[in-house]
Amino acid sequence: MVQSDFGLRLPTSAELPCSDDRPVDNENQNFIPNFLLFLLEFIWGNRQDWFFGVDMALYHTTGVNPLVPVVTDGFLSLGVERRKGGGYRLSYVVWEENGTVPILALEVVSRTPGGEYDEKMEIYARLGALYYIVYNPDYWQRDRHQPFEVYRLVDGAYRQQIGEPFWMPEIGLGIGRTRTQTGGLEREVLSWYNQQGVRYLTPEEQLARYRQRFGELPED
């Protein structure tokens, strides 16, 4: 049994709701984090010390009530099991992860404003997420912000960073926007980059480049 700072018994992940059951209101909120996740599965395929959650309830003890999660479009934690106990997570419960909080949180702005520039930013700052990224390709003018913004936690507050792609040395990855063909469609996505600012290609893009250079793959 885990006790909170308030002396309350903290429930296990099996006892907690895994989401807030609110549907996303645009395709990007689901597609963009999943694109980053699937690309990371390819880049870090041999590593077992990371977890990327998509639209998952994140339970922590830095808010008013540890039973009230923040539901994050996407987040990355390092130094945790990639597959919890060899299985999967119902939600991300900080007190079951040896206190490891996400190093990166991503919010994709929706048609209905969701507090990405104030309320959620404050939550992630209290939580201690080092990087907070807001992707707002459709409503940035409405919100008087830029389509893509990266914030870094400095002395307990987020400060906006400059540069795209933006290199994050603590993670060993950069992040930024690009246009790519995926699933037969061209679209803007967020993607990972190396320290030289070179974008990591998806398996689909690598296959297309191979075929362009060498022709069809040889049969087994």
C-alpha atoms as a PDB file:
ATOM      1  CA  MET A   1       0.000   0.000   0.000  1.00  0.00           C
ATOM      2  CA  VAL A   2       1.269   3.477  -0.887  1.00  0.00           C
ATOM      3  CA  GLN A   3       0.502   6.508   1.243  1.00  0.00           C
ATOM      4  CA  SER A   4       0.189  10.022  -0.151  1.00  0.00           C
ATOM      5  CA  ASP A   5       1.591  13.119   1.496  1.00  0.00           C
ATOM      6  CA  PHE A   6      -1.893  13.649   2.910  1.00  0.00           C
ATOM      7  CA  GLY A   7      -1.844  10.277   4.669  1.00  0.00           C
ATOM      8  CA  LEU A   8      -4.361   8.826   2.243  1.00  0.00           C
ATOM      9  CA  ARG A   9      -4.090   5.351   0.789  1.00  0.00           C
ATOM     10  CA  LEU A  10      -3.197   5.671  -2.876  1.00  0.00           C
ATOM     11  CA  PRO A  11      -5.050   3.205  -5.132  1.00  0.00           C
ATOM     12  CA  THR A  12      -3.391   0.919  -7.643  1.00  0.00           C
ATOM     13  CA  SER A  13      -3.652   1.398 -11.396  1.00  0.00           C
ATOM     14  CA  ALA A  14      -6.195  -1.429 -11.543  1.00  0.00           C
ATOM     15  CA  GLU A  15      -8.499   0.591  -9.296  1.00  0.00           C
ATOM     16  CA  LEU A  16      -8.259   3.847 -11.251  1.00  0.00           C
ATOM     17  CA  PRO A  17     -10.122   4.928 -14.414  1.00  0.00           C
ATOM     18  CA  CYS A  18      -7.820   4.750 -17.423  1.00  0.00           C
ATOM     19  CA  SER A  19      -9.250   7.882 -19.105  1.00  0.00           C
ATOM     20  CA  ASP A  20     -11.825  10.603 -18.661  1.00  0.00           C
ATOM     21  CA  ASP A  21     -13.995   9.035 -21.412  1.00  0.00           C
ATOM     22  CA  ARG A  22     -14.079  12.314 -23.332  1.00  0.00           C
ATOM     23  CA  PRO A  23     -13.615  11.812 -27.081  1.00  0.00           C
ATOM     24  CA  VAL A  24     -11.072  13.879 -28.978  1.00  0.00           C
ATOM     25  CA  ASP A  25     -12.612  16.533 -31.203  1.00  0.00           C
ATOM     26  CA  ASN A  26     -10.161  16.368 -34.092  1.00  0.00           C
ATOM     27  CA  GLU A  27      -8.096  13.702 -35.814  1.00  0.00           C
ATOM     28  CA  ASN A  28      -4.750  15.292 -34.958  1.00  0.00           C
ATOM     29  CA  GLN A  29      -5.232  14.739 -31.235  1.00  0.00           C
ATOM     30  CA  ASN A  30      -5.036  11.008 -31.810  1.00  0.00           C
ATOM     31  CA  PHE A  31      -2.897  10.763 -34.936  1.00  0.00           C
ATOM     32  CA  ILE A  32       0.019  13.020 -33.974  1.00  0.00           C
ATOM     33  CA  PRO A  33       0.908  11.347 -30.644  1.00  0.00           C
ATOM     34  CA  ASN A  34       0.507   7.886 -32.198  1.00  0.00           C
ATOM     35  CA  PHE A  35       2.750   8.867 -35.101  1.00  0.00           C
ATOM     36  CA  LEU A  36       5.448   9.883 -32.601  1.00  0.00           C
ATOM     37  CA  LEU A  37       4.945   6.664 -30.645  1.00  0.00           C
ATOM     38  CA  PHE A  38       5.209   4.361 -33.672  1.00  0.00           C
ATOM     39  CA  LEU A  39       8.284   6.207 -34.921  1.00  0.00           C
ATOM     40  CA  LEU A  40       9.867   5.916 -31.474  1.00  0.00           C
ATOM     41  CA  GLU A  41       9.162   2.180 -31.477  1.00  0.00           C
ATOM     42  CA  PHE A  42      11.303   2.051 -34.614  1.00  0.00           C
ATOM     43  CA  ILE A  43      14.084   4.394 -33.402  1.00  0.00           C
ATOM     44  CA  TRP A  44      14.368   2.903 -29.909  1.00  0.00           C
ATOM     45  CA  GLY A  45      13.284  -0.609 -30.789  1.00  0.00           C
ATOM     46  CA  ASN A  46      16.080  -2.211 -28.752  1.00  0.00           C
ATOM     47  CA  ARG A  47      15.582  -0.068 -25.650  1.00  0.00           C
ATOM     48  CA  GLN A  48      13.335  -1.160 -22.802  1.00  0.00           C
ATOM     49  CA  ASP A  49      13.721   1.889 -20.536  1.00  0.00           C
ATOM     50  CA  TRP A  50      11.047   4.217 -21.892  1.00  0.00           C
ATOM     51  CA  PHE A  51       7.308   4.587 -22.193  1.00  0.00           C
ATOM     52  CA  PHE A  52       5.247   6.837 -24.453  1.00  0.00           C
ATOM     53  CA  GLY A  53       1.601   7.212 -23.441  1.00  0.00           C
ATOM     54  CA  VAL A  54      -1.166   8.390 -25.776  1.00  0.00           C
ATOM     55  CA  ASP A  55      -4.453   9.856 -24.526  1.00  0.00           C
ATOM     56  CA  MET A  56      -3.792   8.193 -21.176  1.00  0.00           C
ATOM     57  CA  ALA A  57      -4.747   9.175 -17.651  1.00  0.00           C
ATOM     58  CA  LEU A  58      -1.688  10.320 -15.726  1.00  0.00           C
ATOM     59  CA  TYR A  59      -2.095  10.097 -11.940  1.00  0.00           C
ATOM     60  CA  HIS A  60       0.198  12.132  -9.698  1.00  0.00           C
ATOM     61  CA  THR A  61       0.354  13.583  -6.208  1.00  0.00           C
ATOM     62  CA  THR A  62       1.215  17.183  -7.081  1.00  0.00           C
ATOM     63  CA  GLY A  63      -2.387  18.304  -7.642  1.00  0.00           C
ATOM     64  CA  VAL A  64      -5.308  18.941  -5.342  1.00  0.00           C
ATOM     65  CA  ASN A  65      -6.365  15.285  -5.356  1.00  0.00           C
ATOM     66  CA  PRO A  66      -4.244  12.280  -6.439  1.00  0.00           C
ATOM     67  CA  LEU A  67      -7.422  10.560  -7.658  1.00  0.00           C
ATOM     68  CA  VAL A  68      -7.914  13.231 -10.358  1.00  0.00           C
ATOM     69  CA  PRO A  69      -5.634  12.616 -13.341  1.00  0.00           C
ATOM     70  CA  VAL A  70      -4.487  14.829 -16.131  1.00  0.00           C
ATOM     71  CA  VAL A  71      -5.276  13.168 -19.459  1.00  0.00           C
ATOM     72  CA  THR A  72      -2.394  13.889 -21.771  1.00  0.00           C
ATOM     73  CA  ASP A  73      -2.446  13.702 -25.574  1.00  0.00           C
ATOM     74  CA  GLY A  74       1.070  12.294 -25.413  1.00  0.00           C
ATOM     75  CA  PHE A  75       3.883  11.964 -22.875  1.00  0.00           C
ATOM     76  CA  LEU A  76       7.319  10.377 -22.666  1.00  0.00           C
ATOM     77  CA  SER A  77       8.905   8.878 -19.543  1.00  0.00           C
ATOM     78  CA  LEU A  78      12.482   7.639 -19.340  1.00  0.00           C
ATOM     79  CA  GLY A  79      13.945   5.124 -16.922  1.00  0.00           C
ATOM     80  CA  VAL A  80      10.742   3.100 -16.622  1.00  0.00           C
ATOM     81  CA  GLU A  81       9.700  -0.269 -17.993  1.00  0.00           C
ATOM     82  CA  ARG A  82       8.623  -0.124 -21.600  1.00  0.00           C
ATOM     83  CA  ARG A  83       6.136  -2.902 -20.881  1.00  0.00           C
ATOM     84  CA  LYS A  84       5.039  -2.778 -17.253  1.00  0.00           C
ATOM     85  CA  GLY A  85       5.660  -6.225 -15.783  1.00  0.00           C
ATOM     86  CA  GLY A  86       5.895  -7.552 -19.322  1.00  0.00           C
ATOM     87  CA  GLY A  87       2.311  -6.472 -19.992  1.00  0.00           C
ATOM     88  CA  TYR A  88       0.640  -3.124 -20.519  1.00  0.00           C
ATOM     89  CA  ARG A  89      -0.456  -0.127 -18.481  1.00  0.00           C
ATOM     90  CA  LEU A  90      -4.078   0.800 -17.906  1.00  0.00           C
ATOM     91  CA  SER A  91      -2.914   4.280 -16.934  1.00  0.00           C
ATOM     92  CA  TYR A  92       0.326   5.929 -15.833  1.00  0.00           C
ATOM     93  CA  VAL A  93       0.456   6.089 -12.046  1.00  0.00           C
ATOM     94  CA  VAL A  94       3.503   8.012 -10.818  1.00  0.00           C
ATOM     95  CA  TRP A  95       3.587   6.283  -7.427  1.00  0.00           C
ATOM     96  CA  GLU A  96       3.798   2.915  -9.198  1.00  0.00           C
ATOM     97  CA  GLU A  97       6.701   4.134 -11.358  1.00  0.00           C
ATOM     98  CA  ASN A  98       9.119   4.856  -8.486  1.00  0.00           C
ATOM     99  CA  GLY A  99       8.063   8.494  -8.651  1.00  0.00           C
ATOM    100  CA  THR A 100       9.223   8.903 -12.257  1.00  0.00           C
ATOM    101  CA  VAL A 101       7.308  11.724 -13.915  1.00  0.00           C
ATOM    102  CA  PRO A 102       7.213  12.247 -17.694  1.00  0.00           C
ATOM    103  CA  ILE A 103      10.138  14.187 -19.085  1.00  0.00           C
ATOM    104  CA  LEU A 104       7.990  15.431 -21.984  1.00  0.00           C
ATOM    105  CA  ALA A 105       4.305  16.243 -22.282  1.00  0.00           C
ATOM    106  CA  LEU A 106       2.527  17.003 -25.562  1.00  0.00           C
ATOM    107  CA  GLU A 107      -0.798  18.737 -26.042  1.00  0.00           C
ATOM    108  CA  VAL A 108      -2.532  19.063 -29.411  1.00  0.00           C
ATOM    109  CA  VAL A 109      -4.936  22.002 -29.322  1.00  0.00           C
ATOM    110  CA  SER A 110      -8.548  21.203 -30.101  1.00  0.00           C
ATOM    111  CA  ARG A 111     -11.454  23.161 -31.508  1.00  0.00           C
ATOM    112  CA  THR A 112     -12.676  23.644 -27.957  1.00  0.00           C
ATOM    113  CA  PRO A 113      -9.896  25.350 -25.929  1.00  0.00           C
ATOM    114  CA  GLY A 114      -8.610  22.965 -23.279  1.00  0.00           C
ATOM    115  CA  GLY A 115      -6.354  25.118 -21.113  1.00  0.00           C
ATOM    116  CA  GLU A 116      -3.196  24.183 -23.008  1.00  0.00           C
ATOM    117  CA  TYR A 117      -1.610  27.598 -22.402  1.00  0.00           C
ATOM    118  CA  ASP A 118      -2.560  28.045 -18.761  1.00  0.00           C
ATOM    119  CA  GLU A 119      -4.274  25.346 -16.696  1.00  0.00           C
ATOM    120  CA  LYS A 120      -2.522  22.329 -18.201  1.00  0.00           C
ATOM    121  CA  MET A 121       0.766  24.176 -18.381  1.00  0.00           C
ATOM    122  CA  GLU A 122       0.547  24.806 -14.630  1.00  0.00           C
ATOM    123  CA  ILE A 123      -0.274  21.151 -13.967  1.00  0.00           C
ATOM    124  CA  TYR A 124       2.771  19.906 -15.901  1.00  0.00           C
ATOM    125  CA  ALA A 125       5.009  22.508 -14.247  1.00  0.00           C
ATOM    126  CA  ARG A 126       3.943  21.333 -10.769  1.00  0.00           C
ATOM    127  CA  LEU A 127       4.410  17.750 -11.899  1.00  0.00           C
ATOM    128  CA  GLY A 128       7.930  18.551 -13.051  1.00  0.00           C
ATOM    129  CA  ALA A 129       7.764  17.579 -16.730  1.00  0.00           C
ATOM    130  CA  LEU A 130      10.950  19.078 -18.173  1.00  0.00           C
ATOM    131  CA  TYR A 131       9.512  19.770 -21.631  1.00  0.00           C
ATOM    132  CA  TYR A 132       6.008  20.876 -22.535  1.00  0.00           C
ATOM    133  CA  ILE A 133       5.070  21.008 -26.220  1.00  0.00           C
ATOM    134  CA  VAL A 134       1.958  22.569 -27.693  1.00  0.00           C
ATOM    135  CA  TYR A 135       1.008  21.743 -31.282  1.00  0.00           C
ATOM    136  CA  ASN A 136      -1.652  24.077 -32.629  1.00  0.00           C
ATOM    137  CA  PRO A 137      -1.757  23.936 -36.444  1.00  0.00           C
ATOM    138  CA  ASP A 138      -5.400  24.979 -36.840  1.00  0.00           C
ATOM    139  CA  TYR A 139      -6.254  27.405 -34.042  1.00  0.00           C
ATOM    140  CA  TRP A 140      -2.998  29.231 -33.336  1.00  0.00           C
ATOM    141  CA  GLN A 141      -4.268  32.559 -34.639  1.00  0.00           C
ATOM    142  CA  ARG A 142      -7.373  32.271 -32.484  1.00  0.00           C
ATOM    143  CA  ASP A 143      -5.189  31.567 -29.470  1.00  0.00           C
ATOM    144  CA  ARG A 144      -2.568  34.211 -30.345  1.00  0.00           C
ATOM    145  CA  HIS A 145       0.237  31.679 -30.231  1.00  0.00           C
ATOM    146  CA  GLN A 146       2.485  29.929 -32.730  1.00  0.00           C
ATOM    147  CA  PRO A 147       1.526  26.647 -34.432  1.00  0.00           C
ATOM    148  CA  PHE A 148       4.369  24.845 -32.644  1.00  0.00           C
ATOM    149  CA  GLU A 149       5.796  25.856 -29.283  1.00  0.00           C
ATOM    150  CA  VAL A 150       8.336  24.170 -27.011  1.00  0.00           C
ATOM    151  CA  TYR A 151       8.633  25.103 -23.345  1.00  0.00           C
ATOM    152  CA  ARG A 152      11.352  24.042 -20.907  1.00  0.00           C
ATOM    153  CA  LEU A 153      10.959  24.023 -17.142  1.00  0.00           C
ATOM    154  CA  VAL A 154      13.323  26.549 -15.546  1.00  0.00           C
ATOM    155  CA  ASP A 155      13.133  27.231 -11.804  1.00  0.00           C
ATOM    156  CA  GLY A 156       9.642  25.783 -11.619  1.00  0.00           C
ATOM    157  CA  ALA A 157       8.180  27.748 -14.542  1.00  0.00           C
ATOM    158  CA  TYR A 158       7.998  27.128 -18.284  1.00  0.00           C
ATOM    159  CA  ARG A 159      10.030  29.296 -20.610  1.00  0.00           C
ATOM    160  CA  GLN A 160       9.424  29.178 -24.336  1.00  0.00           C
ATOM    161  CA  GLN A 161      12.378  27.919 -26.371  1.00  0.00           C
ATOM    162  CA  ILE A 162      13.606  28.962 -29.776  1.00  0.00           C
ATOM    163  CA  GLY A 163      14.457  26.776 -32.748  1.00  0.00           C
ATOM    164  CA  GLU A 164      12.863  24.079 -34.863  1.00  0.00           C
ATOM    165  CA  PRO A 165      13.547  21.267 -34.841  1.00  0.00           C
ATOM    166  CA  PHE A 166      14.334  21.740 -31.174  1.00  0.00           C
ATOM    167  CA  TRP A 167      17.048  19.528 -29.703  1.00  0.00           C
ATOM    168  CA  MET A 168      16.402  18.062 -26.228  1.00  0.00           C
ATOM    169  CA  PRO A 169      19.744  16.743 -24.889  1.00  0.00           C
ATOM    170  CA  GLU A 170      18.199  15.111 -21.826  1.00  0.00           C
ATOM    171  CA  ILE A 171      16.131  12.936 -24.139  1.00  0.00           C
ATOM    172  CA  GLY A 172      18.606  12.548 -26.983  1.00  0.00           C
ATOM    173  CA  LEU A 173      16.033  13.598 -29.572  1.00  0.00           C
ATOM    174  CA  GLY A 174      14.861  16.683 -31.357  1.00  0.00           C
ATOM    175  CA  ILE A 175      11.263  17.429 -32.293  1.00  0.00           C
ATOM    176  CA  GLY A 176       9.666  19.564 -34.965  1.00  0.00           C
ATOM    177  CA  ARG A 177       7.158  19.743 -37.792  1.00  0.00           C
ATOM    178  CA  THR A 178       7.458  18.162 -41.208  1.00  0.00           C
ATOM    179  CA  ARG A 179       5.311  17.118 -44.125  1.00  0.00           C
ATOM    180  CA  THR A 180       5.390  13.470 -45.048  1.00  0.00           C
ATOM    181  CA  GLN A 181       3.559  10.766 -46.919  1.00  0.00           C
ATOM    182  CA  THR A 182       1.909   8.314 -44.563  1.00  0.00           C
ATOM    183  CA  GLY A 183      -0.807   5.835 -45.387  1.00  0.00           C
ATOM    184  CA  GLY A 184      -0.904   7.177 -48.939  1.00  0.00           C
ATOM    185  CA  LEU A 185      -1.645  10.733 -47.803  1.00  0.00           C
ATOM    186  CA  GLU A 186       0.570  13.789 -47.458  1.00  0.00           C
ATOM    187  CA  ARG A 187       0.089  15.628 -44.185  1.00  0.00           C
ATOM    188  CA  GLU A 188       1.905  17.704 -41.589  1.00  0.00           C
ATOM    189  CA  VAL A 189       3.080  15.799 -38.544  1.00  0.00           C
ATOM    190  CA  LEU A 190       5.451  16.180 -35.624  1.00  0.00           C
ATOM    191  CA  SER A 191       8.540  14.048 -35.944  1.00  0.00           C
ATOM    192  CA  TRP A 192      11.763  13.148 -34.146  1.00  0.00           C
ATOM    193  CA  TYR A 193      15.179  14.452 -35.260  1.00  0.00           C
ATOM    194  CA  ASN A 194      18.792  13.651 -34.459  1.00  0.00           C
ATOM    195  CA  GLN A 195      21.281  16.139 -33.024  1.00  0.00           C
ATOM    196  CA  GLN A 196      22.270  17.284 -36.521  1.00  0.00           C
ATOM    197  CA  GLY A 197      18.663  18.230 -37.264  1.00  0.00           C
ATOM    198  CA  VAL A 198      18.130  15.298 -39.616  1.00  0.00           C
ATOM    199  CA  ARG A 199      14.666  13.815 -39.418  1.00  0.00           C
ATOM    200  CA  TYR A 200      14.221  10.144 -38.606  1.00  0.00           C
ATOM    201  CA  LEU A 201      12.418   8.493 -41.501  1.00  0.00           C
ATOM    202  CA  THR A 202       9.475   6.201 -40.971  1.00  0.00           C
ATOM    203  CA  PRO A 203       9.774   2.563 -42.118  1.00  0.00           C
ATOM    204  CA  GLU A 204       7.369   3.483 -44.937  1.00  0.00           C
ATOM    205  CA  GLU A 205       9.668   6.292 -46.093  1.00  0.00           C
ATOM    206  CA  GLN A 206      12.749   4.104 -45.847  1.00  0.00           C
ATOM    207  CA  LEU A 207      11.076   1.436 -47.961  1.00  0.00           C
ATOM    208  CA  ALA A 208      10.069   4.032 -50.566  1.00  0.00           C
ATOM    209  CA  ARG A 209      13.647   5.335 -50.750  1.00  0.00           C
ATOM    210  CA  TYR A 210      14.993   1.812 -51.119  1.00  0.00           C
ATOM    211  CA  ARG A 211      12.606   1.098 -53.971  1.00  0.00           C
ATOM    212  CA  GLN A 212      13.457   4.394 -55.633  1.00  0.00           C
ATOM    213  CA  ARG A 213      17.152   3.533 -55.518  1.00  0.00           C
ATOM    214  CA  PHE A 214      17.237  -0.237 -56.004  1.00  0.00           C
ATOM    215  CA  GLY A 215      13.806  -1.258 -57.249  1.00  0.00           C
ATOM    216  CA  GLU A 216      11.569  -3.826 -55.617  1.00  0.00           C
ATOM    217  CA  LEU A 217      12.735  -5.752 -52.570  1.00  0.00           C
ATOM    218  CA  PRO A 218      14.100  -9.222 -53.330  1.00  0.00           C
ATOM    219  CA  GLU A 219      11.762 -12.102 -52.580  1.00  0.00           C
ATOM    220  CA  ASP A 220      12.592 -14.446 -49.709  1.00  0.00           C
END
